[in-house]
Amino acid sequence: MLMPCEIVIKEFLPAMRANITKTLSEKYKYNQSEIAIKLGLTQAAVSKYLAGDYSSEVKVVEKIKDIKGMADNVARQIAEVKASKLQIVNSVCKSCQSFFGDKWHC
């Protein structure tokens, strides 16, 4: 059995990163290096997200409408609002709290 924080680390965060990466690339035309810098990832990780080279569990979570919407909001903050890294982190944390609710405390 996975503990709640393990689910967040293994499935929720990668799904958010995959969605944010795809939105920044497709909608906002960011290149892989720009995305890597904004998300604190390597260019290789960004390449894998864009290619869909990650677990089937993450692919299932990635398709959840609420997660897609939250990721699109984070991508918009990055591209349009020019949010700081702290604001981006806070936004992703709030997304996690919103998605999992008060029942999970990590």
C-alpha atoms as a PDB file:
ATOM      1  CA  MET A   1       0.000   0.000   0.000  1.00  0.00           C
ATOM      2  CA  LEU A   2       1.308   3.426  -0.918  1.00  0.00           C
ATOM      3  CA  MET A   3       1.095   6.155   1.678  1.00  0.00           C
ATOM      4  CA  PRO A   4      -0.560   9.427   0.563  1.00  0.00           C
ATOM      5  CA  CYS A   5       2.731  11.279   0.208  1.00  0.00           C
ATOM      6  CA  GLU A   6       4.108   8.454  -1.937  1.00  0.00           C
ATOM      7  CA  ILE A   7       1.137   8.794  -4.291  1.00  0.00           C
ATOM      8  CA  VAL A   8       1.782  12.506  -4.546  1.00  0.00           C
ATOM      9  CA  ILE A   9       5.471  11.946  -5.334  1.00  0.00           C
ATOM     10  CA  LYS A  10       5.034   9.001  -7.705  1.00  0.00           C
ATOM     11  CA  GLU A  11       1.870  10.002  -9.547  1.00  0.00           C
ATOM     12  CA  PHE A  12       0.451  13.472  -8.854  1.00  0.00           C
ATOM     13  CA  LEU A  13       3.635  15.554  -9.243  1.00  0.00           C
ATOM     14  CA  PRO A  14       4.813  13.765 -12.405  1.00  0.00           C
ATOM     15  CA  ALA A  15       1.319  14.169 -13.903  1.00  0.00           C
ATOM     16  CA  MET A  16       1.370  17.874 -13.077  1.00  0.00           C
ATOM     17  CA  ARG A  17       4.858  18.248 -14.561  1.00  0.00           C
ATOM     18  CA  ALA A  18       3.845  16.382 -17.713  1.00  0.00           C
ATOM     19  CA  ASN A  19       0.787  18.586 -18.213  1.00  0.00           C
ATOM     20  CA  ILE A  20       2.634  21.821 -17.420  1.00  0.00           C
ATOM     21  CA  THR A  21       5.471  20.821 -19.756  1.00  0.00           C
ATOM     22  CA  LYS A  22       3.097  20.022 -22.617  1.00  0.00           C
ATOM     23  CA  THR A  23       1.130  23.240 -22.154  1.00  0.00           C
ATOM     24  CA  LEU A  24       4.266  25.394 -22.037  1.00  0.00           C
ATOM     25  CA  SER A  25       5.554  23.701 -25.184  1.00  0.00           C
ATOM     26  CA  GLU A  26       2.353  23.558 -27.230  1.00  0.00           C
ATOM     27  CA  LYS A  27       0.429  26.661 -26.167  1.00  0.00           C
ATOM     28  CA  TYR A  28       3.215  29.026 -25.147  1.00  0.00           C
ATOM     29  CA  LYS A  29       5.924  27.728 -27.526  1.00  0.00           C
ATOM     30  CA  TYR A  30       8.590  27.366 -24.838  1.00  0.00           C
ATOM     31  CA  ASN A  31      11.558  25.223 -25.842  1.00  0.00           C
ATOM     32  CA  GLN A  32      12.825  22.344 -23.715  1.00  0.00           C
ATOM     33  CA  SER A  33      15.612  24.374 -22.103  1.00  0.00           C
ATOM     34  CA  GLU A  34      13.211  27.161 -21.093  1.00  0.00           C
ATOM     35  CA  ILE A  35      10.778  24.663 -19.605  1.00  0.00           C
ATOM     36  CA  ALA A  36      13.576  22.908 -17.727  1.00  0.00           C
ATOM     37  CA  ILE A  37      14.710  26.179 -16.162  1.00  0.00           C
ATOM     38  CA  LYS A  38      11.180  27.230 -15.183  1.00  0.00           C
ATOM     39  CA  LEU A  39      10.332  23.867 -13.597  1.00  0.00           C
ATOM     40  CA  GLY A  40      13.752  23.077 -12.129  1.00  0.00           C
ATOM     41  CA  LEU A  41      14.099  19.952 -14.261  1.00  0.00           C
ATOM     42  CA  THR A  42      16.775  18.676 -16.593  1.00  0.00           C
ATOM     43  CA  GLN A  43      16.264  19.076 -20.329  1.00  0.00           C
ATOM     44  CA  ALA A  44      16.262  15.267 -20.543  1.00  0.00           C
ATOM     45  CA  ALA A  45      13.335  15.072 -18.093  1.00  0.00           C
ATOM     46  CA  VAL A  46      11.419  17.636 -20.133  1.00  0.00           C
ATOM     47  CA  SER A  47      12.108  15.611 -23.275  1.00  0.00           C
ATOM     48  CA  LYS A  48      10.705  12.487 -21.606  1.00  0.00           C
ATOM     49  CA  TYR A  49       7.567  14.329 -20.480  1.00  0.00           C
ATOM     50  CA  LEU A  50       6.999  15.702 -23.974  1.00  0.00           C
ATOM     51  CA  ALA A  51       7.515  12.255 -25.505  1.00  0.00           C
ATOM     52  CA  GLY A  52       5.173  10.608 -23.006  1.00  0.00           C
ATOM     53  CA  ASP A  53       8.007   8.425 -21.743  1.00  0.00           C
ATOM     54  CA  TYR A  54       6.727   7.803 -18.213  1.00  0.00           C
ATOM     55  CA  SER A  55       4.677   5.253 -16.278  1.00  0.00           C
ATOM     56  CA  SER A  56       1.171   4.185 -17.195  1.00  0.00           C
ATOM     57  CA  GLU A  57       0.013   5.190 -13.697  1.00  0.00           C
ATOM     58  CA  VAL A  58       1.131   8.761 -14.312  1.00  0.00           C
ATOM     59  CA  LYS A  59      -0.565   8.728 -17.729  1.00  0.00           C
ATOM     60  CA  VAL A  60      -3.870   7.812 -16.078  1.00  0.00           C
ATOM     61  CA  VAL A  61      -3.545  10.558 -13.457  1.00  0.00           C
ATOM     62  CA  GLU A  62      -2.416  13.053 -16.107  1.00  0.00           C
ATOM     63  CA  LYS A  63      -5.755  12.688 -17.923  1.00  0.00           C
ATOM     64  CA  ILE A  64      -7.876  13.642 -14.903  1.00  0.00           C
ATOM     65  CA  LYS A  65      -9.703  16.827 -15.873  1.00  0.00           C
ATOM     66  CA  ASP A  66      -9.054  18.625 -12.556  1.00  0.00           C
ATOM     67  CA  ILE A  67      -5.322  17.936 -12.741  1.00  0.00           C
ATOM     68  CA  LYS A  68      -5.174  19.128 -16.343  1.00  0.00           C
ATOM     69  CA  GLY A  69      -6.954  22.348 -15.344  1.00  0.00           C
ATOM     70  CA  MET A  70      -4.637  22.957 -12.388  1.00  0.00           C
ATOM     71  CA  ALA A  71      -1.584  22.331 -14.565  1.00  0.00           C
ATOM     72  CA  ASP A  72      -2.885  24.692 -17.237  1.00  0.00           C
ATOM     73  CA  ASN A  73      -3.281  27.354 -14.547  1.00  0.00           C
ATOM     74  CA  VAL A  74       0.321  26.865 -13.388  1.00  0.00           C
ATOM     75  CA  ALA A  75       1.548  27.042 -17.003  1.00  0.00           C
ATOM     76  CA  ARG A  76      -0.406  30.273 -17.491  1.00  0.00           C
ATOM     77  CA  GLN A  77       1.186  31.725 -14.364  1.00  0.00           C
ATOM     78  CA  ILE A  78       4.615  30.831 -15.707  1.00  0.00           C
ATOM     79  CA  ALA A  79       4.049  32.144 -19.229  1.00  0.00           C
ATOM     80  CA  GLU A  80       1.718  35.100 -18.757  1.00  0.00           C
ATOM     81  CA  VAL A  81       2.106  36.249 -15.169  1.00  0.00           C
ATOM     82  CA  LYS A  82       5.862  35.511 -15.078  1.00  0.00           C
ATOM     83  CA  ALA A  83       5.464  33.933 -11.638  1.00  0.00           C
ATOM     84  CA  SER A  84       8.529  33.445  -9.468  1.00  0.00           C
ATOM     85  CA  LYS A  85       9.763  29.955  -8.549  1.00  0.00           C
ATOM     86  CA  LEU A  86       8.247  30.378  -5.078  1.00  0.00           C
ATOM     87  CA  GLN A  87       4.886  31.311  -6.592  1.00  0.00           C
ATOM     88  CA  ILE A  88       5.056  28.287  -8.887  1.00  0.00           C
ATOM     89  CA  VAL A  89       5.864  25.961  -5.982  1.00  0.00           C
ATOM     90  CA  ASN A  90       3.026  27.454  -3.926  1.00  0.00           C
ATOM     91  CA  SER A  91       0.633  27.032  -6.824  1.00  0.00           C
ATOM     92  CA  VAL A  92       1.534  23.361  -7.275  1.00  0.00           C
ATOM     93  CA  CYS A  93       1.230  22.785  -3.504  1.00  0.00           C
ATOM     94  CA  LYS A  94      -2.206  24.430  -3.468  1.00  0.00           C
ATOM     95  CA  SER A  95      -3.219  22.252  -6.412  1.00  0.00           C
ATOM     96  CA  CYS A  96      -2.215  19.141  -4.486  1.00  0.00           C
ATOM     97  CA  GLN A  97      -4.100  20.295  -1.384  1.00  0.00           C
ATOM     98  CA  SER A  98      -7.143  21.114  -3.499  1.00  0.00           C
ATOM     99  CA  PHE A  99      -7.083  17.776  -5.282  1.00  0.00           C
ATOM    100  CA  PHE A 100      -6.535  15.585  -2.227  1.00  0.00           C
ATOM    101  CA  GLY A 101      -8.391  17.762   0.261  1.00  0.00           C
ATOM    102  CA  ASP A 102      -7.993  17.943   4.009  1.00  0.00           C
ATOM    103  CA  LYS A 103      -8.086  14.171   4.446  1.00  0.00           C
ATOM    104  CA  TRP A 104      -4.411  13.898   3.468  1.00  0.00           C
ATOM    105  CA  HIS A 105      -1.738  15.729   5.376  1.00  0.00           C
ATOM    106  CA  CYS A 106       1.759  15.289   3.969  1.00  0.00           C
END
